[in-house]
Amino acid sequence: MAMTLHQLKIFWAVAQAKSYTKASKILGLAQPSLSQQISKLEEELGSKLFDRGFSKINLTDAGDYLYTKAEQIIASIEEAEEGLKEFSGNTRGILKIGMLSSVARNILPLTMQLFVQHFT
């Protein structure tokens, strides 16, 4: 089975918090569930992701690599979600304008200003 986005978000939160307890509070999930998902992820990837210490946990080299990738993936997903919200709100699209340059100099700046004010 492949790594899921849910597992990746859990891994990222645990890595950020350096604690299962803190990550469970942030995510609103039970700590045993987080531990189970991380163990499952480590098993699926065939790599240990965390060195577990007494008071906090640290990333292994594999964990550090995955953390860097997870940040990029999560940021891309958030960016895509925000971009798609613009489409659903009809605030994003292509505007094509055609006019004579002599008219454009006088009319276009004010027209564009009004357009931007109306749609932002």
PDB file of N, CA and C in Angstrom:
ATOM      1  N   MET A   1       0.844  -1.190   0.000  1.00  0.00           N
ATOM      2  CA  MET A   1       0.000   0.000   0.000  1.00  0.00           C
ATOM      3  C   MET A   1       0.885   1.249   0.000  1.00  0.00           C
ATOM      4  N   ALA A   2       0.456   2.290  -0.677  1.00  0.00           N
ATOM      5  CA  ALA A   2       1.238   3.521  -0.790  1.00  0.00           C
ATOM      6  C   ALA A   2       0.928   4.475   0.360  1.00  0.00           C
ATOM      7  N   MET A   3       1.846   5.382   0.573  1.00  0.00           N
ATOM      8  CA  MET A   3       1.663   6.428   1.581  1.00  0.00           C
ATOM      9  C   MET A   3       0.450   7.274   1.207  1.00  0.00           C
ATOM     10  N   THR A   4      -0.342   7.646   2.215  1.00  0.00           N
ATOM     11  CA  THR A   4      -1.521   8.481   1.967  1.00  0.00           C
ATOM     12  C   THR A   4      -1.233   9.924   2.370  1.00  0.00           C
ATOM     13  N   LEU A   5      -2.058  10.827   1.867  1.00  0.00           N
ATOM     14  CA  LEU A   5      -1.929  12.234   2.243  1.00  0.00           C
ATOM     15  C   LEU A   5      -2.195  12.404   3.737  1.00  0.00           C
ATOM     16  N   HIS A   6      -3.140  11.636   4.253  1.00  0.00           N
ATOM     17  CA  HIS A   6      -3.453  11.675   5.691  1.00  0.00           C
ATOM     18  C   HIS A   6      -2.206  11.326   6.514  1.00  0.00           C
ATOM     19  N   GLN A   7      -1.523  10.257   6.122  1.00  0.00           N
ATOM     20  CA  GLN A   7      -0.297   9.860   6.821  1.00  0.00           C
ATOM     21  C   GLN A   7       0.775  10.937   6.702  1.00  0.00           C
ATOM     22  N   LEU A   8       0.890  11.528   5.528  1.00  0.00           N
ATOM     23  CA  LEU A   8       1.899  12.563   5.305  1.00  0.00           C
ATOM     24  C   LEU A   8       1.640  13.773   6.194  1.00  0.00           C
ATOM     25  N   LYS A   9       0.374  14.169   6.322  1.00  0.00           N
ATOM     26  CA  LYS A   9       0.032  15.301   7.186  1.00  0.00           C
ATOM     27  C   LYS A   9       0.303  14.979   8.651  1.00  0.00           C
ATOM     28  N   ILE A  10       0.020  13.749   9.057  1.00  0.00           N
ATOM     29  CA  ILE A  10       0.314  13.333  10.433  1.00  0.00           C
ATOM     30  C   ILE A  10       1.818  13.361  10.667  1.00  0.00           C
ATOM     31  N   PHE A  11       2.571  12.789   9.736  1.00  0.00           N
ATOM     32  CA  PHE A  11       4.032  12.795   9.858  1.00  0.00           C
ATOM     33  C   PHE A  11       4.550  14.221   9.983  1.00  0.00           C
ATOM     34  N   TRP A  12       4.063  15.109   9.112  1.00  0.00           N
ATOM     35  CA  TRP A  12       4.511  16.503   9.116  1.00  0.00           C
ATOM     36  C   TRP A  12       4.207  17.167  10.454  1.00  0.00           C
ATOM     37  N   ALA A  13       3.017  16.943  10.984  1.00  0.00           N
ATOM     38  CA  ALA A  13       2.625  17.554  12.261  1.00  0.00           C
ATOM     39  C   ALA A  13       3.487  17.042  13.410  1.00  0.00           C
ATOM     40  N   VAL A  14       3.763  15.750  13.425  1.00  0.00           N
ATOM     41  CA  VAL A  14       4.608  15.175  14.480  1.00  0.00           C
ATOM     42  C   VAL A  14       6.027  15.721  14.363  1.00  0.00           C
ATOM     43  N   ALA A  15       6.528  15.817  13.139  1.00  0.00           N
ATOM     44  CA  ALA A  15       7.877  16.352  12.926  1.00  0.00           C
ATOM     45  C   ALA A  15       7.956  17.812  13.358  1.00  0.00           C
ATOM     46  N   GLN A  16       6.922  18.591  13.059  1.00  0.00           N
ATOM     47  CA  GLN A  16       6.874  19.999  13.463  1.00  0.00           C
ATOM     48  C   GLN A  16       6.862  20.139  14.982  1.00  0.00           C
ATOM     49  N   ALA A  17       5.999  19.359  15.615  1.00  0.00           N
ATOM     50  CA  ALA A  17       5.803  19.472  17.062  1.00  0.00           C
ATOM     51  C   ALA A  17       6.891  18.769  17.862  1.00  0.00           C
ATOM     52  N   LYS A  18       7.593  17.834  17.221  1.00  0.00           N
ATOM     53  CA  LYS A  18       8.607  17.003  17.887  1.00  0.00           C
ATOM     54  C   LYS A  18       8.015  16.255  19.078  1.00  0.00           C
ATOM     55  N   SER A  19       6.718  15.974  18.968  1.00  0.00           N
ATOM     56  CA  SER A  19       6.008  15.306  20.054  1.00  0.00           C
ATOM     57  C   SER A  19       4.693  14.750  19.528  1.00  0.00           C
ATOM     58  N   TYR A  20       4.409  13.494  19.873  1.00  0.00           N
ATOM     59  CA  TYR A  20       3.129  12.904  19.495  1.00  0.00           C
ATOM     60  C   TYR A  20       1.986  13.591  20.236  1.00  0.00           C
ATOM     61  N   THR A  21       2.210  13.914  21.486  1.00  0.00           N
ATOM     62  CA  THR A  21       1.169  14.539  22.304  1.00  0.00           C
ATOM     63  C   THR A  21       0.769  15.894  21.731  1.00  0.00           C
ATOM     64  N   LYS A  22       1.766  16.728  21.433  1.00  0.00           N
ATOM     65  CA  LYS A  22       1.472  18.053  20.874  1.00  0.00           C
ATOM     66  C   LYS A  22       0.800  17.931  19.503  1.00  0.00           C
ATOM     67  N   ALA A  23       1.306  17.029  18.674  1.00  0.00           N
ATOM     68  CA  ALA A  23       0.731  16.845  17.338  1.00  0.00           C
ATOM     69  C   ALA A  23      -0.707  16.349  17.424  1.00  0.00           C
ATOM     70  N   SER A  24      -0.986  15.474  18.378  1.00  0.00           N
ATOM     71  CA  SER A  24      -2.355  14.961  18.513  1.00  0.00           C
ATOM     72  C   SER A  24      -3.317  16.079  18.897  1.00  0.00           C
ATOM     73  N   LYS A  25      -2.856  17.008  19.726  1.00  0.00           N
ATOM     74  CA  LYS A  25      -3.700  18.150  20.109  1.00  0.00           C
ATOM     75  C   LYS A  25      -3.923  19.078  18.917  1.00  0.00           C
ATOM     76  N   ILE A  26      -2.874  19.326  18.146  1.00  0.00           N
ATOM     77  CA  ILE A  26      -2.975  20.198  16.970  1.00  0.00           C
ATOM     78  C   ILE A  26      -3.939  19.611  15.939  1.00  0.00           C
ATOM     79  N   LEU A  27      -3.822  18.302  15.707  1.00  0.00           N
ATOM     80  CA  LEU A  27      -4.638  17.654  14.679  1.00  0.00           C
ATOM     81  C   LEU A  27      -6.022  17.240  15.177  1.00  0.00           C
ATOM     82  N   GLY A  28      -6.176  17.209  16.491  1.00  0.00           N
ATOM     83  CA  GLY A  28      -7.450  16.767  17.054  1.00  0.00           C
ATOM     84  C   GLY A  28      -7.661  15.271  16.915  1.00  0.00           C
ATOM     85  N   LEU A  29      -6.569  14.524  16.923  1.00  0.00           N
ATOM     86  CA  LEU A  29      -6.622  13.067  16.825  1.00  0.00           C
ATOM     87  C   LEU A  29      -6.019  12.452  18.077  1.00  0.00           C
ATOM     88  N   ALA A  30      -6.428  11.241  18.386  1.00  0.00           N
ATOM     89  CA  ALA A  30      -5.888  10.549  19.553  1.00  0.00           C
ATOM     90  C   ALA A  30      -4.430  10.175  19.314  1.00  0.00           C
ATOM     91  N   GLN A  31      -3.622  10.265  20.361  1.00  0.00           N
ATOM     92  CA  GLN A  31      -2.199   9.963  20.246  1.00  0.00           C
ATOM     93  C   GLN A  31      -1.946   8.538  19.748  1.00  0.00           C
ATOM     94  N   PRO A  32      -2.669   7.523  20.254  1.00  0.00           N
ATOM     95  CA  PRO A  32      -2.429   6.168  19.740  1.00  0.00           C
ATOM     96  C   PRO A  32      -2.671   6.054  18.231  1.00  0.00           C
ATOM     97  N   SER A  33      -3.632   6.815  17.726  1.00  0.00           N
ATOM     98  CA  SER A  33      -3.913   6.813  16.291  1.00  0.00           C
ATOM     99  C   SER A  33      -2.733   7.384  15.509  1.00  0.00           C
ATOM    100  N   LEU A  34      -2.139   8.458  16.027  1.00  0.00           N
ATOM    101  CA  LEU A  34      -0.963   9.050  15.384  1.00  0.00           C
ATOM    102  C   LEU A  34       0.197   8.066  15.377  1.00  0.00           C
ATOM    103  N   SER A  35       0.452   7.467  16.523  1.00  0.00           N
ATOM    104  CA  SER A  35       1.550   6.497  16.634  1.00  0.00           C
ATOM    105  C   SER A  35       1.349   5.346  15.660  1.00  0.00           C
ATOM    106  N   GLN A  36       0.116   4.880  15.572  1.00  0.00           N
ATOM    107  CA  GLN A  36      -0.203   3.775  14.671  1.00  0.00           C
ATOM    108  C   GLN A  36       0.032   4.173  13.212  1.00  0.00           C
ATOM    109  N   GLN A  37      -0.395   5.374  12.839  1.00  0.00           N
ATOM    110  CA  GLN A  37      -0.208   5.840  11.463  1.00  0.00           C
ATOM    111  C   GLN A  37       1.273   6.013  11.124  1.00  0.00           C
ATOM    112  N   ILE A  38       2.050   6.523  12.071  1.00  0.00           N
ATOM    113  CA  ILE A  38       3.493   6.688  11.837  1.00  0.00           C
ATOM    114  C   ILE A  38       4.159   5.325  11.700  1.00  0.00           C
ATOM    115  N   SER A  39       3.801   4.384  12.567  1.00  0.00           N
ATOM    116  CA  SER A  39       4.363   3.029  12.481  1.00  0.00           C
ATOM    117  C   SER A  39       4.018   2.385  11.148  1.00  0.00           C
ATOM    118  N   LYS A  40       2.778   2.551  10.720  1.00  0.00           N
ATOM    119  CA  LYS A  40       2.331   2.003   9.440  1.00  0.00           C
ATOM    120  C   LYS A  40       3.111   2.646   8.290  1.00  0.00           C
ATOM    121  N   LEU A  41       3.308   3.955   8.371  1.00  0.00           N
ATOM    122  CA  LEU A  41       4.051   4.679   7.344  1.00  0.00           C
ATOM    123  C   LEU A  41       5.501   4.202   7.287  1.00  0.00           C
ATOM    124  N   GLU A  42       6.132   4.068   8.449  1.00  0.00           N
ATOM    125  CA  GLU A  42       7.517   3.586   8.494  1.00  0.00           C
ATOM    126  C   GLU A  42       7.621   2.184   7.897  1.00  0.00           C
ATOM    127  N   GLU A  43       6.645   1.353   8.196  1.00  0.00           N
ATOM    128  CA  GLU A  43       6.637  -0.012   7.663  1.00  0.00           C
ATOM    129  C   GLU A  43       6.478   0.001   6.144  1.00  0.00           C
ATOM    130  N   GLU A  44       5.555   0.817   5.653  1.00  0.00           N
ATOM    131  CA  GLU A  44       5.324   0.898   4.210  1.00  0.00           C
ATOM    132  C   GLU A  44       6.536   1.440   3.462  1.00  0.00           C
ATOM    133  N   LEU A  45       7.212   2.422   4.062  1.00  0.00           N
ATOM    134  CA  LEU A  45       8.372   3.027   3.410  1.00  0.00           C
ATOM    135  C   LEU A  45       9.648   2.227   3.622  1.00  0.00           C
ATOM    136  N   GLY A  46       9.636   1.359   4.617  1.00  0.00           N
ATOM    137  CA  GLY A  46      10.822   0.568   4.921  1.00  0.00           C
ATOM    138  C   GLY A  46      11.931   1.390   5.542  1.00  0.00           C
ATOM    139  N   SER A  47      11.565   2.499   6.168  1.00  0.00           N
ATOM    140  CA  SER A  47      12.549   3.387   6.793  1.00  0.00           C
ATOM    141  C   SER A  47      12.019   3.909   8.114  1.00  0.00           C
ATOM    142  N   LYS A  48      12.913   3.984   9.079  1.00  0.00           N
ATOM    143  CA  LYS A  48      12.576   4.610  10.350  1.00  0.00           C
ATOM    144  C   LYS A  48      12.614   6.123  10.133  1.00  0.00           C
ATOM    145  N   LEU A  49      11.569   6.823  10.567  1.00  0.00           N
ATOM    146  CA  LEU A  49      11.475   8.258  10.324  1.00  0.00           C
ATOM    147  C   LEU A  49      11.851   9.095  11.537  1.00  0.00           C
ATOM    148  N   PHE A  50      11.704   8.525  12.727  1.00  0.00           N
ATOM    149  CA  PHE A  50      11.981   9.253  13.964  1.00  0.00           C
ATOM    150  C   PHE A  50      12.897   8.455  14.876  1.00  0.00           C
ATOM    151  N   ASP A  51      13.775   9.182  15.580  1.00  0.00           N
ATOM    152  CA  ASP A  51      14.499   8.636  16.727  1.00  0.00           C
ATOM    153  C   ASP A  51      13.726   9.113  17.938  1.00  0.00           C
ATOM    154  N   ARG A  52      13.206   8.175  18.698  1.00  0.00           N
ATOM    155  CA  ARG A  52      12.378   8.541  19.839  1.00  0.00           C
ATOM    156  C   ARG A  52      13.227   8.633  21.097  1.00  0.00           C
ATOM    157  N   GLY A  53      13.265   9.828  21.667  1.00  0.00           N
ATOM    158  CA  GLY A  53      14.000  10.055  22.906  1.00  0.00           C
ATOM    159  C   GLY A  53      13.060  10.078  24.090  1.00  0.00           C
ATOM    160  N   PHE A  54      13.591  10.409  25.253  1.00  0.00           N
ATOM    161  CA  PHE A  54      12.777  10.433  26.474  1.00  0.00           C
ATOM    162  C   PHE A  54      11.747  11.553  26.439  1.00  0.00           C
ATOM    163  N   SER A  55      12.190  12.766  26.108  1.00  0.00           N
ATOM    164  CA  SER A  55      11.266  13.901  26.183  1.00  0.00           C
ATOM    165  C   SER A  55      10.762  14.378  24.823  1.00  0.00           C
ATOM    166  N   LYS A  56      11.523  14.123  23.757  1.00  0.00           N
ATOM    167  CA  LYS A  56      11.068  14.536  22.430  1.00  0.00           C
ATOM    168  C   LYS A  56      11.622  13.598  21.379  1.00  0.00           C
ATOM    169  N   ILE A  57      11.136  13.771  20.175  1.00  0.00           N
ATOM    170  CA  ILE A  57      11.584  12.916  19.086  1.00  0.00           C
ATOM    171  C   ILE A  57      12.338  13.754  18.056  1.00  0.00           C
ATOM    172  N   ASN A  58      13.238  13.106  17.357  1.00  0.00           N
ATOM    173  CA  ASN A  58      14.025  13.772  16.319  1.00  0.00           C
ATOM    174  C   ASN A  58      13.898  12.995  15.019  1.00  0.00           C
ATOM    175  N   LEU A  59      14.040  13.692  13.925  1.00  0.00           N
ATOM    176  CA  LEU A  59      13.980  13.059  12.614  1.00  0.00           C
ATOM    177  C   LEU A  59      15.263  12.291  12.316  1.00  0.00           C
ATOM    178  N   THR A  60      15.117  11.139  11.680  1.00  0.00           N
ATOM    179  CA  THR A  60      16.267  10.431  11.136  1.00  0.00           C
ATOM    180  C   THR A  60      16.614  11.106   9.809  1.00  0.00           C
ATOM    181  N   ASP A  61      17.652  10.629   9.137  1.00  0.00           N
ATOM    182  CA  ASP A  61      17.983  11.188   7.820  1.00  0.00           C
ATOM    183  C   ASP A  61      16.828  10.970   6.842  1.00  0.00           C
ATOM    184  N   ALA A  62      16.232   9.781   6.885  1.00  0.00           N
ATOM    185  CA  ALA A  62      15.079   9.490   6.019  1.00  0.00           C
ATOM    186  C   ALA A  62      13.906  10.396   6.388  1.00  0.00           C
ATOM    187  N   GLY A  63      13.697  10.601   7.676  1.00  0.00           N
ATOM    188  CA  GLY A  63      12.623  11.472   8.143  1.00  0.00           C
ATOM    189  C   GLY A  63      12.839  12.910   7.719  1.00  0.00           C
ATOM    190  N   ASP A  64      14.087  13.354   7.781  1.00  0.00           N
ATOM    191  CA  ASP A  64      14.413  14.719   7.364  1.00  0.00           C
ATOM    192  C   ASP A  64      14.134  14.906   5.871  1.00  0.00           C
ATOM    193  N   TYR A  65      14.485  13.904   5.084  1.00  0.00           N
ATOM    194  CA  TYR A  65      14.215  13.949   3.642  1.00  0.00           C
ATOM    195  C   TYR A  65      12.706  14.014   3.386  1.00  0.00           C
ATOM    196  N   LEU A  66      11.957  13.136   4.064  1.00  0.00           N
ATOM    197  CA  LEU A  66      10.508  13.116   3.874  1.00  0.00           C
ATOM    198  C   LEU A  66       9.873  14.410   4.365  1.00  0.00           C
ATOM    199  N   TYR A  67      10.386  14.975   5.432  1.00  0.00           N
ATOM    200  CA  TYR A  67       9.846  16.229   5.970  1.00  0.00           C
ATOM    201  C   TYR A  67       9.962  17.356   4.939  1.00  0.00           C
ATOM    202  N   THR A  68      11.117  17.443   4.290  1.00  0.00           N
ATOM    203  CA  THR A  68      11.326  18.458   3.251  1.00  0.00           C
ATOM    204  C   THR A  68      10.322  18.276   2.114  1.00  0.00           C
ATOM    205  N   LYS A  69      10.149  17.031   1.688  1.00  0.00           N
ATOM    206  CA  LYS A  69       9.194  16.740   0.610  1.00  0.00           C
ATOM    207  C   LYS A  69       7.761  16.996   1.063  1.00  0.00           C
ATOM    208  N   ALA A  70       7.445  16.635   2.304  1.00  0.00           N
ATOM    209  CA  ALA A  70       6.091  16.825   2.837  1.00  0.00           C
ATOM    210  C   ALA A  70       5.729  18.305   2.868  1.00  0.00           C
ATOM    211  N   GLU A  71       6.668  19.146   3.268  1.00  0.00           N
ATOM    212  CA  GLU A  71       6.405  20.589   3.286  1.00  0.00           C
ATOM    213  C   GLU A  71       6.061  21.096   1.890  1.00  0.00           C
ATOM    214  N   GLN A  72       6.805  20.629   0.896  1.00  0.00           N
ATOM    215  CA  GLN A  72       6.552  21.052  -0.485  1.00  0.00           C
ATOM    216  C   GLN A  72       5.192  20.562  -0.970  1.00  0.00           C
ATOM    217  N   ILE A  73       4.886  19.305  -0.674  1.00  0.00           N
ATOM    218  CA  ILE A  73       3.624  18.708  -1.119  1.00  0.00           C
ATOM    219  C   ILE A  73       2.439  19.405  -0.462  1.00  0.00           C
ATOM    220  N   ILE A  74       2.506  19.591   0.840  1.00  0.00           N
ATOM    221  CA  ILE A  74       1.407  20.221   1.571  1.00  0.00           C
ATOM    222  C   ILE A  74       1.216  21.668   1.110  1.00  0.00           C
ATOM    223  N   ALA A  75       2.315  22.378   0.891  1.00  0.00           N
ATOM    224  CA  ALA A  75       2.221  23.759   0.395  1.00  0.00           C
ATOM    225  C   ALA A  75       1.581  23.791  -0.994  1.00  0.00           C
ATOM    226  N   SER A  76       1.944  22.848  -1.851  1.00  0.00           N
ATOM    227  CA  SER A  76       1.362  22.792  -3.198  1.00  0.00           C
ATOM    228  C   SER A  76      -0.131  22.503  -3.146  1.00  0.00           C
ATOM    229  N   ILE A  77      -0.527  21.604  -2.262  1.00  0.00           N
ATOM    230  CA  ILE A  77      -1.948  21.276  -2.125  1.00  0.00           C
ATOM    231  C   ILE A  77      -2.724  22.489  -1.624  1.00  0.00           C
ATOM    232  N   GLU A  78      -2.187  23.175  -0.623  1.00  0.00           N
ATOM    233  CA  GLU A  78      -2.858  24.372  -0.098  1.00  0.00           C
ATOM    234  C   GLU A  78      -2.969  25.456  -1.167  1.00  0.00           C
ATOM    235  N   GLU A  79      -1.910  25.613  -1.953  1.00  0.00           N
ATOM    236  CA  GLU A  79      -1.920  26.602  -3.037  1.00  0.00           C
ATOM    237  C   GLU A  79      -2.973  26.243  -4.084  1.00  0.00           C
ATOM    238  N   ALA A  80      -3.062  24.959  -4.427  1.00  0.00           N
ATOM    239  CA  ALA A  80      -4.062  24.509  -5.399  1.00  0.00           C
ATOM    240  C   ALA A  80      -5.473  24.737  -4.870  1.00  0.00           C
ATOM    241  N   GLU A  81      -5.698  24.440  -3.604  1.00  0.00           N
ATOM    242  CA  GLU A  81      -7.022  24.650  -3.004  1.00  0.00           C
ATOM    243  C   GLU A  81      -7.410  26.124  -3.045  1.00  0.00           C
ATOM    244  N   GLU A  82      -6.465  27.000  -2.712  1.00  0.00           N
ATOM    245  CA  GLU A  82      -6.744  28.443  -2.748  1.00  0.00           C
ATOM    246  C   GLU A  82      -7.035  28.907  -4.170  1.00  0.00           C
ATOM    247  N   GLY A  83      -6.259  28.419  -5.121  1.00  0.00           N
ATOM    248  CA  GLY A  83      -6.474  28.788  -6.517  1.00  0.00           C
ATOM    249  C   GLY A  83      -7.825  28.325  -7.027  1.00  0.00           C
ATOM    250  N   LEU A  84      -8.226  27.130  -6.625  1.00  0.00           N
ATOM    251  CA  LEU A  84      -9.519  26.606  -7.064  1.00  0.00           C
ATOM    252  C   LEU A  84     -10.684  27.359  -6.438  1.00  0.00           C
ATOM    253  N   LYS A  85     -10.492  27.884  -5.240  1.00  0.00           N
ATOM    254  CA  LYS A  85     -11.538  28.690  -4.606  1.00  0.00           C
ATOM    255  C   LYS A  85     -11.825  29.931  -5.446  1.00  0.00           C
ATOM    256  N   GLU A  86     -10.784  30.476  -6.054  1.00  0.00           N
ATOM    257  CA  GLU A  86     -10.961  31.653  -6.906  1.00  0.00           C
ATOM    258  C   GLU A  86     -11.837  31.326  -8.110  1.00  0.00           C
ATOM    259  N   PHE A  87     -11.674  30.117  -8.658  1.00  0.00           N
ATOM    260  CA  PHE A  87     -12.495  29.722  -9.799  1.00  0.00           C
ATOM    261  C   PHE A  87     -13.947  29.532  -9.389  1.00  0.00           C
ATOM    262  N   SER A  88     -14.172  28.920  -8.240  1.00  0.00           N
ATOM    263  CA  SER A  88     -15.544  28.654  -7.809  1.00  0.00           C
ATOM    264  C   SER A  88     -16.275  29.936  -7.443  1.00  0.00           C
ATOM    265  N   GLY A  89     -15.544  30.959  -7.052  1.00  0.00           N
ATOM    266  CA  GLY A  89     -16.158  32.240  -6.722  1.00  0.00           C
ATOM    267  C   GLY A  89     -16.250  33.173  -7.912  1.00  0.00           C
ATOM    268  N   ASN A  90     -15.931  32.658  -9.092  1.00  0.00           N
ATOM    269  CA  ASN A  90     -15.958  33.463 -10.319  1.00  0.00           C
ATOM    270  C   ASN A  90     -15.075  34.705 -10.224  1.00  0.00           C
ATOM    271  N   THR A  91     -13.980  34.616  -9.485  1.00  0.00           N
ATOM    272  CA  THR A  91     -13.081  35.762  -9.372  1.00  0.00           C
ATOM    273  C   THR A  91     -11.785  35.540 -10.138  1.00  0.00           C
ATOM    274  N   ARG A  92     -11.742  34.499 -10.939  1.00  0.00           N
ATOM    275  CA  ARG A  92     -10.532  34.230 -11.685  1.00  0.00           C
ATOM    276  C   ARG A  92     -10.912  33.818 -13.102  1.00  0.00           C
ATOM    277  N   GLY A  93     -10.181  34.300 -14.036  1.00  0.00           N
ATOM    278  CA  GLY A  93     -10.430  33.944 -15.418  1.00  0.00           C
ATOM    279  C   GLY A  93      -9.537  34.758 -16.332  1.00  0.00           C
ATOM    280  N   ILE A  94      -9.822  34.707 -17.586  1.00  0.00           N
ATOM    281  CA  ILE A  94      -9.026  35.423 -18.581  1.00  0.00           C
ATOM    282  C   ILE A  94      -9.827  36.624 -19.074  1.00  0.00           C
ATOM    283  N   LEU A  95      -9.196  37.756 -19.093  1.00  0.00           N
ATOM    284  CA  LEU A  95      -9.811  38.985 -19.589  1.00  0.00           C
ATOM    285  C   LEU A  95      -9.068  39.383 -20.859  1.00  0.00           C
ATOM    286  N   LYS A  96      -9.779  39.435 -21.958  1.00  0.00           N
ATOM    287  CA  LYS A  96      -9.176  39.837 -23.233  1.00  0.00           C
ATOM    288  C   LYS A  96      -9.713  41.206 -23.599  1.00  0.00           C
ATOM    289  N   ILE A  97      -8.812  42.114 -23.925  1.00  0.00           N
ATOM    290  CA  ILE A  97      -9.193  43.482 -24.267  1.00  0.00           C
ATOM    291  C   ILE A  97      -8.593  43.826 -25.627  1.00  0.00           C
ATOM    292  N   GLY A  98      -9.406  44.391 -26.468  1.00  0.00           N
ATOM    293  CA  GLY A  98      -8.921  44.843 -27.767  1.00  0.00           C
ATOM    294  C   GLY A  98      -9.433  46.249 -28.050  1.00  0.00           C
ATOM    295  N   MET A  99      -8.518  47.161 -28.333  1.00  0.00           N
ATOM    296  CA  MET A  99      -8.914  48.532 -28.679  1.00  0.00           C
ATOM    297  C   MET A  99      -7.736  49.248 -29.320  1.00  0.00           C
ATOM    298  N   LEU A 100      -8.017  50.366 -29.916  1.00  0.00           N
ATOM    299  CA  LEU A 100      -6.968  51.184 -30.517  1.00  0.00           C
ATOM    300  C   LEU A 100      -6.075  51.749 -29.416  1.00  0.00           C
ATOM    301  N   SER A 101      -4.793  51.852 -29.694  1.00  0.00           N
ATOM    302  CA  SER A 101      -3.861  52.354 -28.680  1.00  0.00           C
ATOM    303  C   SER A 101      -4.177  53.790 -28.274  1.00  0.00           C
ATOM    304  N   SER A 102      -4.674  54.591 -29.193  1.00  0.00           N
ATOM    305  CA  SER A 102      -5.010  55.980 -28.849  1.00  0.00           C
ATOM    306  C   SER A 102      -6.163  56.032 -27.847  1.00  0.00           C
ATOM    307  N   VAL A 103      -7.105  55.127 -27.947  1.00  0.00           N
ATOM    308  CA  VAL A 103      -8.228  55.052 -27.015  1.00  0.00           C
ATOM    309  C   VAL A 103      -7.767  54.409 -25.707  1.00  0.00           C
ATOM    310  N   ALA A 104      -6.914  53.407 -25.817  1.00  0.00           N
ATOM    311  CA  ALA A 104      -6.455  52.659 -24.645  1.00  0.00           C
ATOM    312  C   ALA A 104      -5.752  53.557 -23.636  1.00  0.00           C
ATOM    313  N   ARG A 105      -4.953  54.512 -24.129  1.00  0.00           N
ATOM    314  CA  ARG A 105      -4.223  55.398 -23.218  1.00  0.00           C
ATOM    315  C   ARG A 105      -5.154  56.212 -22.327  1.00  0.00           C
ATOM    316  N   ASN A 106      -6.285  56.585 -22.849  1.00  0.00           N
ATOM    317  CA  ASN A 106      -7.211  57.435 -22.097  1.00  0.00           C
ATOM    318  C   ASN A 106      -8.243  56.646 -21.292  1.00  0.00           C
ATOM    319  N   ILE A 107      -8.726  55.563 -21.836  1.00  0.00           N
ATOM    320  CA  ILE A 107      -9.840  54.844 -21.217  1.00  0.00           C
ATOM    321  C   ILE A 107      -9.394  53.644 -20.377  1.00  0.00           C
ATOM    322  N   LEU A 108      -8.397  52.926 -20.848  1.00  0.00           N
ATOM    323  CA  LEU A 108      -8.025  51.662 -20.205  1.00  0.00           C
ATOM    324  C   LEU A 108      -7.600  51.794 -18.743  1.00  0.00           C
ATOM    325  N   PRO A 109      -6.765  52.764 -18.351  1.00  0.00           N
ATOM    326  CA  PRO A 109      -6.361  52.824 -16.938  1.00  0.00           C
ATOM    327  C   PRO A 109      -7.543  52.941 -15.971  1.00  0.00           C
ATOM    328  N   LEU A 110      -8.474  53.818 -16.253  1.00  0.00           N
ATOM    329  CA  LEU A 110      -9.637  53.991 -15.378  1.00  0.00           C
ATOM    330  C   LEU A 110     -10.532  52.753 -15.410  1.00  0.00           C
ATOM    331  N   THR A 111     -10.726  52.208 -16.598  1.00  0.00           N
ATOM    332  CA  THR A 111     -11.559  51.014 -16.738  1.00  0.00           C
ATOM    333  C   THR A 111     -10.967  49.847 -15.955  1.00  0.00           C
ATOM    334  N   MET A 112      -9.659  49.653 -16.045  1.00  0.00           N
ATOM    335  CA  MET A 112      -9.004  48.559 -15.312  1.00  0.00           C
ATOM    336  C   MET A 112      -9.082  48.789 -13.807  1.00  0.00           C
ATOM    337  N   GLN A 113      -8.944  50.024 -13.392  1.00  0.00           N
ATOM    338  CA  GLN A 113      -9.043  50.346 -11.968  1.00  0.00           C
ATOM    339  C   GLN A 113     -10.436  49.988 -11.446  1.00  0.00           C
ATOM    340  N   LEU A 114     -11.459  50.346 -12.183  1.00  0.00           N
ATOM    341  CA  LEU A 114     -12.836  50.017 -11.792  1.00  0.00           C
ATOM    342  C   LEU A 114     -13.066  48.504 -11.798  1.00  0.00           C
ATOM    343  N   PHE A 115     -12.504  47.841 -12.786  1.00  0.00           N
ATOM    344  CA  PHE A 115     -12.627  46.385 -12.888  1.00  0.00           C
ATOM    345  C   PHE A 115     -12.007  45.705 -11.670  1.00  0.00           C
ATOM    346  N   VAL A 116     -10.808  46.107 -11.322  1.00  0.00           N
ATOM    347  CA  VAL A 116     -10.106  45.520 -10.171  1.00  0.00           C
ATOM    348  C   VAL A 116     -10.868  45.790  -8.879  1.00  0.00           C
ATOM    349  N   GLN A 117     -11.363  47.002  -8.707  1.00  0.00           N
ATOM    350  CA  GLN A 117     -12.133  47.331  -7.500  1.00  0.00           C
ATOM    351  C   GLN A 117     -13.392  46.479  -7.399  1.00  0.00           C
ATOM    352  N   HIS A 118     -14.019  46.250  -8.514  1.00  0.00           N
ATOM    353  CA  HIS A 118     -15.264  45.482  -8.517  1.00  0.00           C
ATOM    354  C   HIS A 118     -15.025  44.000  -8.219  1.00  0.00           C
ATOM    355  N   PHE A 119     -13.924  43.440  -8.709  1.00  0.00           N
ATOM    356  CA  PHE A 119     -13.701  42.001  -8.602  1.00  0.00           C
ATOM    357  C   PHE A 119     -12.700  41.589  -7.532  1.00  0.00           C
ATOM    358  N   THR A 120     -12.259  42.503  -6.687  1.00  0.00           N
ATOM    359  CA  THR A 120     -11.367  42.100  -5.587  1.00  0.00           C
ATOM    360  C   THR A 120     -11.970  42.462  -4.258  1.00  0.00           C
TER     361      THR A 120
END
